[in-house]
Amino acid sequence: MLDLRLYMLQRLSAMLMAPFVLVHLGVMIYAIQGGLSAGEILGRTRGSLPWFLFYGGFVAAASVHAAIGLRVIAAETLGLRGRALAVLTWGVGAVLLGLGMYAVFAVTVPA
């Protein structure tokens, strides 16, 4: 039953990430073509709740998706099972979420 729930959660996270990726790529193309500097980009993102929510959601979805994917890879290639597999999965997910949210705070929260 856990495998089915994780499978569904990974598919859900992929469905959430698809629009995040498309919007992110569109914004990056706009910024590059518009000749925006890093300072100008930060000027637009700092203090912006919508950008915080957008990139926070992106980070959360990517962290869940990657951790579940790594869980499957570790089980198949390393033969990890049980507690070791759970610790690896939760650990990687927590690290990815923490580092990602650190980056989100860096670009959205006023200095």
PDB file of N, CA and C in Angstrom:
ATOM      1  N   MET A   1       0.819  -1.201   0.000  1.00  0.00           N
ATOM      2  CA  MET A   1       0.000   0.000   0.000  1.00  0.00           C
ATOM      3  C   MET A   1       0.862   1.264   0.000  1.00  0.00           C
ATOM      4  N   LEU A   2       1.979   1.224   0.742  1.00  0.00           N
ATOM      5  CA  LEU A   2       2.882   2.375   0.775  1.00  0.00           C
ATOM      6  C   LEU A   2       3.442   2.660  -0.613  1.00  0.00           C
ATOM      7  N   ASP A   3       3.807   1.606  -1.347  1.00  0.00           N
ATOM      8  CA  ASP A   3       4.352   1.794  -2.688  1.00  0.00           C
ATOM      9  C   ASP A   3       3.354   2.490  -3.606  1.00  0.00           C
ATOM     10  N   LEU A   4       2.099   2.131  -3.517  1.00  0.00           N
ATOM     11  CA  LEU A   4       1.068   2.767  -4.342  1.00  0.00           C
ATOM     12  C   LEU A   4       0.919   4.238  -3.968  1.00  0.00           C
ATOM     13  N   ARG A   5       0.911   4.539  -2.669  1.00  0.00           N
ATOM     14  CA  ARG A   5       0.789   5.937  -2.234  1.00  0.00           C
ATOM     15  C   ARG A   5       1.984   6.764  -2.687  1.00  0.00           C
ATOM     16  N   LEU A   6       3.181   6.193  -2.575  1.00  0.00           N
ATOM     17  CA  LEU A   6       4.371   6.918  -3.023  1.00  0.00           C
ATOM     18  C   LEU A   6       4.355   7.120  -4.528  1.00  0.00           C
ATOM     19  N   TYR A   7       3.919   6.112  -5.260  1.00  0.00           N
ATOM     20  CA  TYR A   7       3.792   6.218  -6.710  1.00  0.00           C
ATOM     21  C   TYR A   7       2.839   7.358  -7.075  1.00  0.00           C
ATOM     22  N   MET A   8       1.696   7.391  -6.423  1.00  0.00           N
ATOM     23  CA  MET A   8       0.708   8.439  -6.705  1.00  0.00           C
ATOM     24  C   MET A   8       1.226   9.812  -6.298  1.00  0.00           C
ATOM     25  N   LEU A   9       1.928   9.887  -5.167  1.00  0.00           N
ATOM     26  CA  LEU A   9       2.491  11.155  -4.714  1.00  0.00           C
ATOM     27  C   LEU A   9       3.554  11.653  -5.681  1.00  0.00           C
ATOM     28  N   GLN A  10       4.358  10.749  -6.225  1.00  0.00           N
ATOM     29  CA  GLN A  10       5.363  11.187  -7.192  1.00  0.00           C
ATOM     30  C   GLN A  10       4.693  11.678  -8.472  1.00  0.00           C
ATOM     31  N   ARG A  11       3.649  11.019  -8.897  1.00  0.00           N
ATOM     32  CA  ARG A  11       2.937  11.473 -10.102  1.00  0.00           C
ATOM     33  C   ARG A  11       2.266  12.818  -9.858  1.00  0.00           C
ATOM     34  N   LEU A  12       1.703  13.008  -8.673  1.00  0.00           N
ATOM     35  CA  LEU A  12       1.095  14.288  -8.324  1.00  0.00           C
ATOM     36  C   LEU A  12       2.146  15.399  -8.299  1.00  0.00           C
ATOM     37  N   SER A  13       3.300  15.116  -7.715  1.00  0.00           N
ATOM     38  CA  SER A  13       4.353  16.136  -7.669  1.00  0.00           C
ATOM     39  C   SER A  13       4.832  16.477  -9.081  1.00  0.00           C
ATOM     40  N   ALA A  14       4.868  15.493  -9.974  1.00  0.00           N
ATOM     41  CA  ALA A  14       5.246  15.763 -11.365  1.00  0.00           C
ATOM     42  C   ALA A  14       4.214  16.655 -12.042  1.00  0.00           C
ATOM     43  N   MET A  15       2.926  16.391 -11.765  1.00  0.00           N
ATOM     44  CA  MET A  15       1.869  17.222 -12.345  1.00  0.00           C
ATOM     45  C   MET A  15       1.958  18.657 -11.840  1.00  0.00           C
ATOM     46  N   LEU A  16       2.344  18.830 -10.593  1.00  0.00           N
ATOM     47  CA  LEU A  16       2.502  20.173 -10.042  1.00  0.00           C
ATOM     48  C   LEU A  16       3.740  20.863 -10.616  1.00  0.00           C
ATOM     49  N   MET A  17       4.798  20.104 -10.806  1.00  0.00           N
ATOM     50  CA  MET A  17       6.040  20.700 -11.289  1.00  0.00           C
ATOM     51  C   MET A  17       5.951  21.161 -12.745  1.00  0.00           C
ATOM     52  N   ALA A  18       5.150  20.516 -13.555  1.00  0.00           N
ATOM     53  CA  ALA A  18       5.084  20.866 -14.978  1.00  0.00           C
ATOM     54  C   ALA A  18       4.777  22.350 -15.193  1.00  0.00           C
ATOM     55  N   PRO A  19       3.714  22.901 -14.601  1.00  0.00           N
ATOM     56  CA  PRO A  19       3.491  24.333 -14.806  1.00  0.00           C
ATOM     57  C   PRO A  19       4.561  25.202 -14.138  1.00  0.00           C
ATOM     58  N   PHE A  20       5.103  24.744 -13.002  1.00  0.00           N
ATOM     59  CA  PHE A  20       6.185  25.506 -12.362  1.00  0.00           C
ATOM     60  C   PHE A  20       7.378  25.628 -13.308  1.00  0.00           C
ATOM     61  N   VAL A  21       7.748  24.540 -13.954  1.00  0.00           N
ATOM     62  CA  VAL A  21       8.887  24.551 -14.874  1.00  0.00           C
ATOM     63  C   VAL A  21       8.603  25.465 -16.055  1.00  0.00           C
ATOM     64  N   LEU A  22       7.425  25.374 -16.623  1.00  0.00           N
ATOM     65  CA  LEU A  22       7.088  26.205 -17.782  1.00  0.00           C
ATOM     66  C   LEU A  22       7.111  27.694 -17.438  1.00  0.00           C
ATOM     67  N   VAL A  23       6.528  28.051 -16.304  1.00  0.00           N
ATOM     68  CA  VAL A  23       6.538  29.461 -15.889  1.00  0.00           C
ATOM     69  C   VAL A  23       7.966  29.912 -15.598  1.00  0.00           C
ATOM     70  N   HIS A  24       8.733  29.077 -14.896  1.00  0.00           N
ATOM     71  CA  HIS A  24      10.117  29.431 -14.570  1.00  0.00           C
ATOM     72  C   HIS A  24      10.932  29.652 -15.849  1.00  0.00           C
ATOM     73  N   LEU A  25      10.811  28.765 -16.823  1.00  0.00           N
ATOM     74  CA  LEU A  25      11.539  28.935 -18.079  1.00  0.00           C
ATOM     75  C   LEU A  25      11.093  30.200 -18.811  1.00  0.00           C
ATOM     76  N   GLY A  26       9.790  30.454 -18.811  1.00  0.00           N
ATOM     77  CA  GLY A  26       9.292  31.673 -19.446  1.00  0.00           C
ATOM     78  C   GLY A  26       9.839  32.934 -18.788  1.00  0.00           C
ATOM     79  N   VAL A  27       9.877  32.938 -17.481  1.00  0.00           N
ATOM     80  CA  VAL A  27      10.401  34.099 -16.754  1.00  0.00           C
ATOM     81  C   VAL A  27      11.892  34.268 -17.032  1.00  0.00           C
ATOM     82  N   MET A  28      12.628  33.162 -17.081  1.00  0.00           N
ATOM     83  CA  MET A  28      14.064  33.244 -17.345  1.00  0.00           C
ATOM     84  C   MET A  28      14.331  33.767 -18.756  1.00  0.00           C
ATOM     85  N   ILE A  29      13.568  33.292 -19.733  1.00  0.00           N
ATOM     86  CA  ILE A  29      13.730  33.775 -21.108  1.00  0.00           C
ATOM     87  C   ILE A  29      13.396  35.260 -21.175  1.00  0.00           C
ATOM     88  N   TYR A  30      12.328  35.669 -20.519  1.00  0.00           N
ATOM     89  CA  TYR A  30      11.946  37.085 -20.482  1.00  0.00           C
ATOM     90  C   TYR A  30      13.057  37.925 -19.859  1.00  0.00           C
ATOM     91  N   ALA A  31      13.623  37.453 -18.757  1.00  0.00           N
ATOM     92  CA  ALA A  31      14.663  38.209 -18.060  1.00  0.00           C
ATOM     93  C   ALA A  31      15.917  38.341 -18.921  1.00  0.00           C
ATOM     94  N   ILE A  32      16.291  37.264 -19.602  1.00  0.00           N
ATOM     95  CA  ILE A  32      17.498  37.297 -20.432  1.00  0.00           C
ATOM     96  C   ILE A  32      17.290  38.187 -21.644  1.00  0.00           C
ATOM     97  N   GLN A  33      16.154  38.030 -22.304  1.00  0.00           N
ATOM     98  CA  GLN A  33      15.893  38.845 -23.500  1.00  0.00           C
ATOM     99  C   GLN A  33      15.687  40.311 -23.139  1.00  0.00           C
ATOM    100  N   GLY A  34      15.165  40.550 -21.945  1.00  0.00           N
ATOM    101  CA  GLY A  34      14.964  41.926 -21.507  1.00  0.00           C
ATOM    102  C   GLY A  34      16.240  42.564 -20.985  1.00  0.00           C
ATOM    103  N   GLY A  35      17.296  41.786 -20.874  1.00  0.00           N
ATOM    104  CA  GLY A  35      18.572  42.320 -20.413  1.00  0.00           C
ATOM    105  C   GLY A  35      18.575  42.702 -18.944  1.00  0.00           C
ATOM    106  N   LEU A  36      17.762  42.042 -18.139  1.00  0.00           N
ATOM    107  CA  LEU A  36      17.707  42.370 -16.720  1.00  0.00           C
ATOM    108  C   LEU A  36      18.958  41.883 -16.010  1.00  0.00           C
ATOM    109  N   SER A  37      19.469  42.708 -15.120  1.00  0.00           N
ATOM    110  CA  SER A  37      20.617  42.312 -14.306  1.00  0.00           C
ATOM    111  C   SER A  37      20.119  41.543 -13.085  1.00  0.00           C
ATOM    112  N   ALA A  38      21.054  40.917 -12.382  1.00  0.00           N
ATOM    113  CA  ALA A  38      20.688  40.185 -11.166  1.00  0.00           C
ATOM    114  C   ALA A  38      20.054  41.125 -10.155  1.00  0.00           C
ATOM    115  N   GLY A  39      20.580  42.329 -10.052  1.00  0.00           N
ATOM    116  CA  GLY A  39      20.020  43.313  -9.128  1.00  0.00           C
ATOM    117  C   GLY A  39      18.597  43.696  -9.488  1.00  0.00           C
ATOM    118  N   GLU A  40      18.333  43.848 -10.769  1.00  0.00           N
ATOM    119  CA  GLU A  40      16.976  44.183 -11.214  1.00  0.00           C
ATOM    120  C   GLU A  40      16.004  43.032 -10.948  1.00  0.00           C
ATOM    121  N   ILE A  41      16.476  41.813 -11.159  1.00  0.00           N
ATOM    122  CA  ILE A  41      15.622  40.646 -10.889  1.00  0.00           C
ATOM    123  C   ILE A  41      15.304  40.572  -9.404  1.00  0.00           C
ATOM    124  N   LEU A  42      16.330  40.733  -8.554  1.00  0.00           N
ATOM    125  CA  LEU A  42      16.097  40.715  -7.108  1.00  0.00           C
ATOM    126  C   LEU A  42      15.194  41.865  -6.679  1.00  0.00           C
ATOM    127  N   GLY A  43      15.294  42.987  -7.335  1.00  0.00           N
ATOM    128  CA  GLY A  43      14.418  44.109  -7.032  1.00  0.00           C
ATOM    129  C   GLY A  43      12.953  43.778  -7.283  1.00  0.00           C
ATOM    130  N   ARG A  44      12.707  42.891  -8.223  1.00  0.00           N
ATOM    131  CA  ARG A  44      11.331  42.494  -8.534  1.00  0.00           C
ATOM    132  C   ARG A  44      10.840  41.349  -7.661  1.00  0.00           C
ATOM    133  N   THR A  45      11.752  40.516  -7.167  1.00  0.00           N
ATOM    134  CA  THR A  45      11.328  39.355  -6.382  1.00  0.00           C
ATOM    135  C   THR A  45      11.342  39.602  -4.882  1.00  0.00           C
ATOM    136  N   ARG A  46      12.199  40.479  -4.407  1.00  0.00           N
ATOM    137  CA  ARG A  46      12.299  40.727  -2.960  1.00  0.00           C
ATOM    138  C   ARG A  46      11.008  41.345  -2.446  1.00  0.00           C
ATOM    139  N   GLY A  47      10.503  40.770  -1.371  1.00  0.00           N
ATOM    140  CA  GLY A  47       9.282  41.276  -0.759  1.00  0.00           C
ATOM    141  C   GLY A  47       8.019  40.867  -1.489  1.00  0.00           C
ATOM    142  N   SER A  48       8.138  39.933  -2.435  1.00  0.00           N
ATOM    143  CA  SER A  48       6.982  39.523  -3.226  1.00  0.00           C
ATOM    144  C   SER A  48       6.419  38.201  -2.699  1.00  0.00           C
ATOM    145  N   LEU A  49       5.239  38.273  -2.112  1.00  0.00           N
ATOM    146  CA  LEU A  49       4.580  37.060  -1.625  1.00  0.00           C
ATOM    147  C   LEU A  49       4.243  36.099  -2.768  1.00  0.00           C
ATOM    148  N   PRO A  50       3.742  36.592  -3.919  1.00  0.00           N
ATOM    149  CA  PRO A  50       3.458  35.648  -5.010  1.00  0.00           C
ATOM    150  C   PRO A  50       4.690  34.860  -5.466  1.00  0.00           C
ATOM    151  N   TRP A  51       5.844  35.530  -5.583  1.00  0.00           N
ATOM    152  CA  TRP A  51       7.049  34.805  -5.985  1.00  0.00           C
ATOM    153  C   TRP A  51       7.495  33.842  -4.886  1.00  0.00           C
ATOM    154  N   PHE A  52       7.340  34.221  -3.636  1.00  0.00           N
ATOM    155  CA  PHE A  52       7.674  33.325  -2.533  1.00  0.00           C
ATOM    156  C   PHE A  52       6.806  32.074  -2.593  1.00  0.00           C
ATOM    157  N   LEU A  53       5.509  32.242  -2.792  1.00  0.00           N
ATOM    158  CA  LEU A  53       4.601  31.101  -2.863  1.00  0.00           C
ATOM    159  C   LEU A  53       4.874  30.238  -4.095  1.00  0.00           C
ATOM    160  N   PHE A  54       5.146  30.888  -5.217  1.00  0.00           N
ATOM    161  CA  PHE A  54       5.429  30.155  -6.451  1.00  0.00           C
ATOM    162  C   PHE A  54       6.679  29.296  -6.290  1.00  0.00           C
ATOM    163  N   TYR A  55       7.785  29.917  -5.910  1.00  0.00           N
ATOM    164  CA  TYR A  55       9.032  29.154  -5.809  1.00  0.00           C
ATOM    165  C   TYR A  55       9.048  28.225  -4.596  1.00  0.00           C
ATOM    166  N   GLY A  56       8.339  28.578  -3.532  1.00  0.00           N
ATOM    167  CA  GLY A  56       8.210  27.667  -2.399  1.00  0.00           C
ATOM    168  C   GLY A  56       7.461  26.398  -2.789  1.00  0.00           C
ATOM    169  N   GLY A  57       6.392  26.558  -3.562  1.00  0.00           N
ATOM    170  CA  GLY A  57       5.654  25.398  -4.063  1.00  0.00           C
ATOM    171  C   GLY A  57       6.490  24.564  -5.015  1.00  0.00           C
ATOM    172  N   PHE A  58       7.260  25.237  -5.850  1.00  0.00           N
ATOM    173  CA  PHE A  58       8.148  24.548  -6.787  1.00  0.00           C
ATOM    174  C   PHE A  58       9.171  23.710  -6.024  1.00  0.00           C
ATOM    175  N   VAL A  59       9.792  24.296  -5.015  1.00  0.00           N
ATOM    176  CA  VAL A  59      10.794  23.596  -4.210  1.00  0.00           C
ATOM    177  C   VAL A  59      10.162  22.401  -3.489  1.00  0.00           C
ATOM    178  N   ALA A  60       8.990  22.591  -2.913  1.00  0.00           N
ATOM    179  CA  ALA A  60       8.331  21.497  -2.194  1.00  0.00           C
ATOM    180  C   ALA A  60       8.019  20.340  -3.140  1.00  0.00           C
ATOM    181  N   ALA A  61       7.462  20.643  -4.299  1.00  0.00           N
ATOM    182  CA  ALA A  61       7.125  19.592  -5.264  1.00  0.00           C
ATOM    183  C   ALA A  61       8.385  18.880  -5.758  1.00  0.00           C
ATOM    184  N   ALA A  62       9.434  19.628  -6.057  1.00  0.00           N
ATOM    185  CA  ALA A  62      10.677  19.030  -6.548  1.00  0.00           C
ATOM    186  C   ALA A  62      11.334  18.166  -5.475  1.00  0.00           C
ATOM    187  N   SER A  63      11.282  18.602  -4.230  1.00  0.00           N
ATOM    188  CA  SER A  63      11.881  17.833  -3.128  1.00  0.00           C
ATOM    189  C   SER A  63      11.176  16.497  -2.942  1.00  0.00           C
ATOM    190  N   VAL A  64       9.863  16.516  -2.946  1.00  0.00           N
ATOM    191  CA  VAL A  64       9.085  15.283  -2.805  1.00  0.00           C
ATOM    192  C   VAL A  64       9.357  14.355  -3.985  1.00  0.00           C
ATOM    193  N   HIS A  65       9.315  14.910  -5.186  1.00  0.00           N
ATOM    194  CA  HIS A  65       9.511  14.124  -6.398  1.00  0.00           C
ATOM    195  C   HIS A  65      10.891  13.463  -6.410  1.00  0.00           C
ATOM    196  N   ALA A  66      11.910  14.232  -6.099  1.00  0.00           N
ATOM    197  CA  ALA A  66      13.278  13.705  -6.120  1.00  0.00           C
ATOM    198  C   ALA A  66      13.506  12.656  -5.033  1.00  0.00           C
ATOM    199  N   ALA A  67      12.992  12.901  -3.840  1.00  0.00           N
ATOM    200  CA  ALA A  67      13.189  11.947  -2.748  1.00  0.00           C
ATOM    201  C   ALA A  67      12.533  10.602  -3.049  1.00  0.00           C
ATOM    202  N   ILE A  68      11.335  10.632  -3.603  1.00  0.00           N
ATOM    203  CA  ILE A  68      10.657   9.374  -3.952  1.00  0.00           C
ATOM    204  C   ILE A  68      11.393   8.676  -5.090  1.00  0.00           C
ATOM    205  N   GLY A  69      11.845   9.428  -6.070  1.00  0.00           N
ATOM    206  CA  GLY A  69      12.609   8.831  -7.162  1.00  0.00           C
ATOM    207  C   GLY A  69      13.897   8.197  -6.666  1.00  0.00           C
ATOM    208  N   LEU A  70      14.585   8.892  -5.759  1.00  0.00           N
ATOM    209  CA  LEU A  70      15.808   8.337  -5.191  1.00  0.00           C
ATOM    210  C   LEU A  70      15.520   7.080  -4.369  1.00  0.00           C
ATOM    211  N   ARG A  71      14.382   7.060  -3.720  1.00  0.00           N
ATOM    212  CA  ARG A  71      13.994   5.879  -2.938  1.00  0.00           C
ATOM    213  C   ARG A  71      13.900   4.647  -3.839  1.00  0.00           C
ATOM    214  N   VAL A  72      13.280   4.811  -4.987  1.00  0.00           N
ATOM    215  CA  VAL A  72      13.144   3.697  -5.923  1.00  0.00           C
ATOM    216  C   VAL A  72      14.512   3.267  -6.448  1.00  0.00           C
ATOM    217  N   ILE A  73      15.348   4.234  -6.801  1.00  0.00           N
ATOM    218  CA  ILE A  73      16.684   3.924  -7.313  1.00  0.00           C
ATOM    219  C   ILE A  73      17.514   3.215  -6.250  1.00  0.00           C
ATOM    220  N   ALA A  74      17.477   3.706  -5.010  1.00  0.00           N
ATOM    221  CA  ALA A  74      18.253   3.093  -3.928  1.00  0.00           C
ATOM    222  C   ALA A  74      17.772   1.670  -3.635  1.00  0.00           C
ATOM    223  N   ALA A  75      16.478   1.454  -3.698  1.00  0.00           N
ATOM    224  CA  ALA A  75      15.943   0.111  -3.448  1.00  0.00           C
ATOM    225  C   ALA A  75      16.366  -0.858  -4.551  1.00  0.00           C
ATOM    226  N   GLU A  76      16.327  -0.393  -5.803  1.00  0.00           N
ATOM    227  CA  GLU A  76      16.645  -1.276  -6.921  1.00  0.00           C
ATOM    228  C   GLU A  76      18.146  -1.511  -7.088  1.00  0.00           C
ATOM    229  N   THR A  77      18.953  -0.475  -6.940  1.00  0.00           N
ATOM    230  CA  THR A  77      20.380  -0.621  -7.229  1.00  0.00           C
ATOM    231  C   THR A  77      21.212  -0.963  -6.004  1.00  0.00           C
ATOM    232  N   LEU A  78      20.863  -0.399  -4.848  1.00  0.00           N
ATOM    233  CA  LEU A  78      21.643  -0.652  -3.636  1.00  0.00           C
ATOM    234  C   LEU A  78      21.037  -1.744  -2.774  1.00  0.00           C
ATOM    235  N   GLY A  79      19.818  -2.120  -3.063  1.00  0.00           N
ATOM    236  CA  GLY A  79      19.151  -3.152  -2.282  1.00  0.00           C
ATOM    237  C   GLY A  79      18.727  -2.687  -0.894  1.00  0.00           C
ATOM    238  N   LEU A  80      18.640  -1.381  -0.693  1.00  0.00           N
ATOM    239  CA  LEU A  80      18.219  -0.873   0.620  1.00  0.00           C
ATOM    240  C   LEU A  80      16.753  -1.202   0.861  1.00  0.00           C
ATOM    241  N   ARG A  81      16.441  -1.491   2.094  1.00  0.00           N
ATOM    242  CA  ARG A  81      15.075  -1.810   2.485  1.00  0.00           C
ATOM    243  C   ARG A  81      14.811  -1.245   3.870  1.00  0.00           C
ATOM    244  N   GLY A  82      13.566  -1.194   4.241  1.00  0.00           N
ATOM    245  CA  GLY A  82      13.161  -0.852   5.597  1.00  0.00           C
ATOM    246  C   GLY A  82      13.652   0.497   6.086  1.00  0.00           C
ATOM    247  N   ARG A  83      14.204   0.469   7.295  1.00  0.00           N
ATOM    248  CA  ARG A  83      14.603   1.698   7.981  1.00  0.00           C
ATOM    249  C   ARG A  83      15.685   2.470   7.234  1.00  0.00           C
ATOM    250  N   ALA A  84      16.672   1.768   6.679  1.00  0.00           N
ATOM    251  CA  ALA A  84      17.752   2.442   5.943  1.00  0.00           C
ATOM    252  C   ALA A  84      17.191   3.209   4.744  1.00  0.00           C
ATOM    253  N   LEU A  85      16.258   2.600   4.054  1.00  0.00           N
ATOM    254  CA  LEU A  85      15.640   3.244   2.901  1.00  0.00           C
ATOM    255  C   LEU A  85      14.815   4.451   3.328  1.00  0.00           C
ATOM    256  N   ALA A  86      14.092   4.315   4.421  1.00  0.00           N
ATOM    257  CA  ALA A  86      13.282   5.431   4.923  1.00  0.00           C
ATOM    258  C   ALA A  86      14.157   6.587   5.374  1.00  0.00           C
ATOM    259  N   VAL A  87      15.246   6.284   6.082  1.00  0.00           N
ATOM    260  CA  VAL A  87      16.157   7.339   6.559  1.00  0.00           C
ATOM    261  C   VAL A  87      16.778   8.073   5.373  1.00  0.00           C
ATOM    262  N   LEU A  88      17.222   7.325   4.369  1.00  0.00           N
ATOM    263  CA  LEU A  88      17.798   7.954   3.177  1.00  0.00           C
ATOM    264  C   LEU A  88      16.776   8.854   2.493  1.00  0.00           C
ATOM    265  N   THR A  89      15.570   8.338   2.289  1.00  0.00           N
ATOM    266  CA  THR A  89      14.525   9.099   1.596  1.00  0.00           C
ATOM    267  C   THR A  89      14.158  10.367   2.350  1.00  0.00           C
ATOM    268  N   TRP A  90      13.876  10.226   3.635  1.00  0.00           N
ATOM    269  CA  TRP A  90      13.508  11.400   4.434  1.00  0.00           C
ATOM    270  C   TRP A  90      14.669  12.379   4.533  1.00  0.00           C
ATOM    271  N   GLY A  91      15.880  11.867   4.668  1.00  0.00           N
ATOM    272  CA  GLY A  91      17.057  12.731   4.778  1.00  0.00           C
ATOM    273  C   GLY A  91      17.278  13.551   3.519  1.00  0.00           C
ATOM    274  N   VAL A  92      17.243  12.880   2.379  1.00  0.00           N
ATOM    275  CA  VAL A  92      17.432  13.590   1.108  1.00  0.00           C
ATOM    276  C   VAL A  92      16.304  14.590   0.890  1.00  0.00           C
ATOM    277  N   GLY A  93      15.082  14.180   1.155  1.00  0.00           N
ATOM    278  CA  GLY A  93      13.956  15.104   0.996  1.00  0.00           C
ATOM    279  C   GLY A  93      14.086  16.330   1.880  1.00  0.00           C
ATOM    280  N   ALA A  94      14.509  16.128   3.128  1.00  0.00           N
ATOM    281  CA  ALA A  94      14.673  17.251   4.060  1.00  0.00           C
ATOM    282  C   ALA A  94      15.800  18.181   3.627  1.00  0.00           C
ATOM    283  N   VAL A  95      16.911  17.610   3.171  1.00  0.00           N
ATOM    284  CA  VAL A  95      18.037  18.432   2.716  1.00  0.00           C
ATOM    285  C   VAL A  95      17.640  19.240   1.487  1.00  0.00           C
ATOM    286  N   LEU A  96      16.993  18.599   0.529  1.00  0.00           N
ATOM    287  CA  LEU A  96      16.557  19.320  -0.671  1.00  0.00           C
ATOM    288  C   LEU A  96      15.567  20.427  -0.332  1.00  0.00           C
ATOM    289  N   LEU A  97      14.620  20.120   0.541  1.00  0.00           N
ATOM    290  CA  LEU A  97      13.645  21.130   0.941  1.00  0.00           C
ATOM    291  C   LEU A  97      14.326  22.281   1.677  1.00  0.00           C
ATOM    292  N   GLY A  98      15.233  21.951   2.584  1.00  0.00           N
ATOM    293  CA  GLY A  98      15.932  22.994   3.334  1.00  0.00           C
ATOM    294  C   GLY A  98      16.773  23.891   2.447  1.00  0.00           C
ATOM    295  N   LEU A  99      17.573  23.294   1.563  1.00  0.00           N
ATOM    296  CA  LEU A  99      18.414  24.096   0.669  1.00  0.00           C
ATOM    297  C   LEU A  99      17.568  24.907  -0.308  1.00  0.00           C
ATOM    298  N   GLY A 100      16.513  24.293  -0.815  1.00  0.00           N
ATOM    299  CA  GLY A 100      15.639  25.016  -1.736  1.00  0.00           C
ATOM    300  C   GLY A 100      14.943  26.189  -1.077  1.00  0.00           C
ATOM    301  N   MET A 101      14.443  25.982   0.135  1.00  0.00           N
ATOM    302  CA  MET A 101      13.770  27.082   0.830  1.00  0.00           C
ATOM    303  C   MET A 101      14.762  28.173   1.234  1.00  0.00           C
ATOM    304  N   TYR A 102      16.000  27.790   1.517  1.00  0.00           N
ATOM    305  CA  TYR A 102      17.039  28.787   1.785  1.00  0.00           C
ATOM    306  C   TYR A 102      17.207  29.704   0.569  1.00  0.00           C
ATOM    307  N   ALA A 103      17.231  29.103  -0.625  1.00  0.00           N
ATOM    308  CA  ALA A 103      17.342  29.889  -1.852  1.00  0.00           C
ATOM    309  C   ALA A 103      16.098  30.755  -2.075  1.00  0.00           C
ATOM    310  N   VAL A 104      14.915  30.197  -1.807  1.00  0.00           N
ATOM    311  CA  VAL A 104      13.676  30.961  -1.974  1.00  0.00           C
ATOM    312  C   VAL A 104      13.668  32.168  -1.042  1.00  0.00           C
ATOM    313  N   PHE A 105      14.051  31.959   0.206  1.00  0.00           N
ATOM    314  CA  PHE A 105      14.117  33.080   1.153  1.00  0.00           C
ATOM    315  C   PHE A 105      15.143  34.106   0.683  1.00  0.00           C
ATOM    316  N   ALA A 106      16.262  33.650   0.129  1.00  0.00           N
ATOM    317  CA  ALA A 106      17.313  34.567  -0.308  1.00  0.00           C
ATOM    318  C   ALA A 106      16.844  35.504  -1.412  1.00  0.00           C
ATOM    319  N   VAL A 107      15.974  35.030  -2.295  1.00  0.00           N
ATOM    320  CA  VAL A 107      15.554  35.872  -3.400  1.00  0.00           C
ATOM    321  C   VAL A 107      14.206  36.548  -3.206  1.00  0.00           C
ATOM    322  N   THR A 108      13.465  36.180  -2.171  1.00  0.00           N
ATOM    323  CA  THR A 108      12.136  36.792  -1.993  1.00  0.00           C
ATOM    324  C   THR A 108      11.969  37.603  -0.719  1.00  0.00           C
ATOM    325  N   VAL A 109      12.738  37.306   0.310  1.00  0.00           N
ATOM    326  CA  VAL A 109      12.582  38.024   1.563  1.00  0.00           C
ATOM    327  C   VAL A 109      13.508  39.238   1.546  1.00  0.00           C
ATOM    328  N   PRO A 110      12.982  40.412   1.857  1.00  0.00           N
ATOM    329  CA  PRO A 110      13.829  41.608   1.853  1.00  0.00           C
ATOM    330  C   PRO A 110      15.029  41.471   2.782  1.00  0.00           C
ATOM    331  N   ALA A 111      16.158  41.970   2.347  1.00  0.00           N
ATOM    332  CA  ALA A 111      17.399  41.872   3.115  1.00  0.00           C
ATOM    333  C   ALA A 111      17.386  42.786   4.327  1.00  0.00           C
TER     334      ALA A 111
END
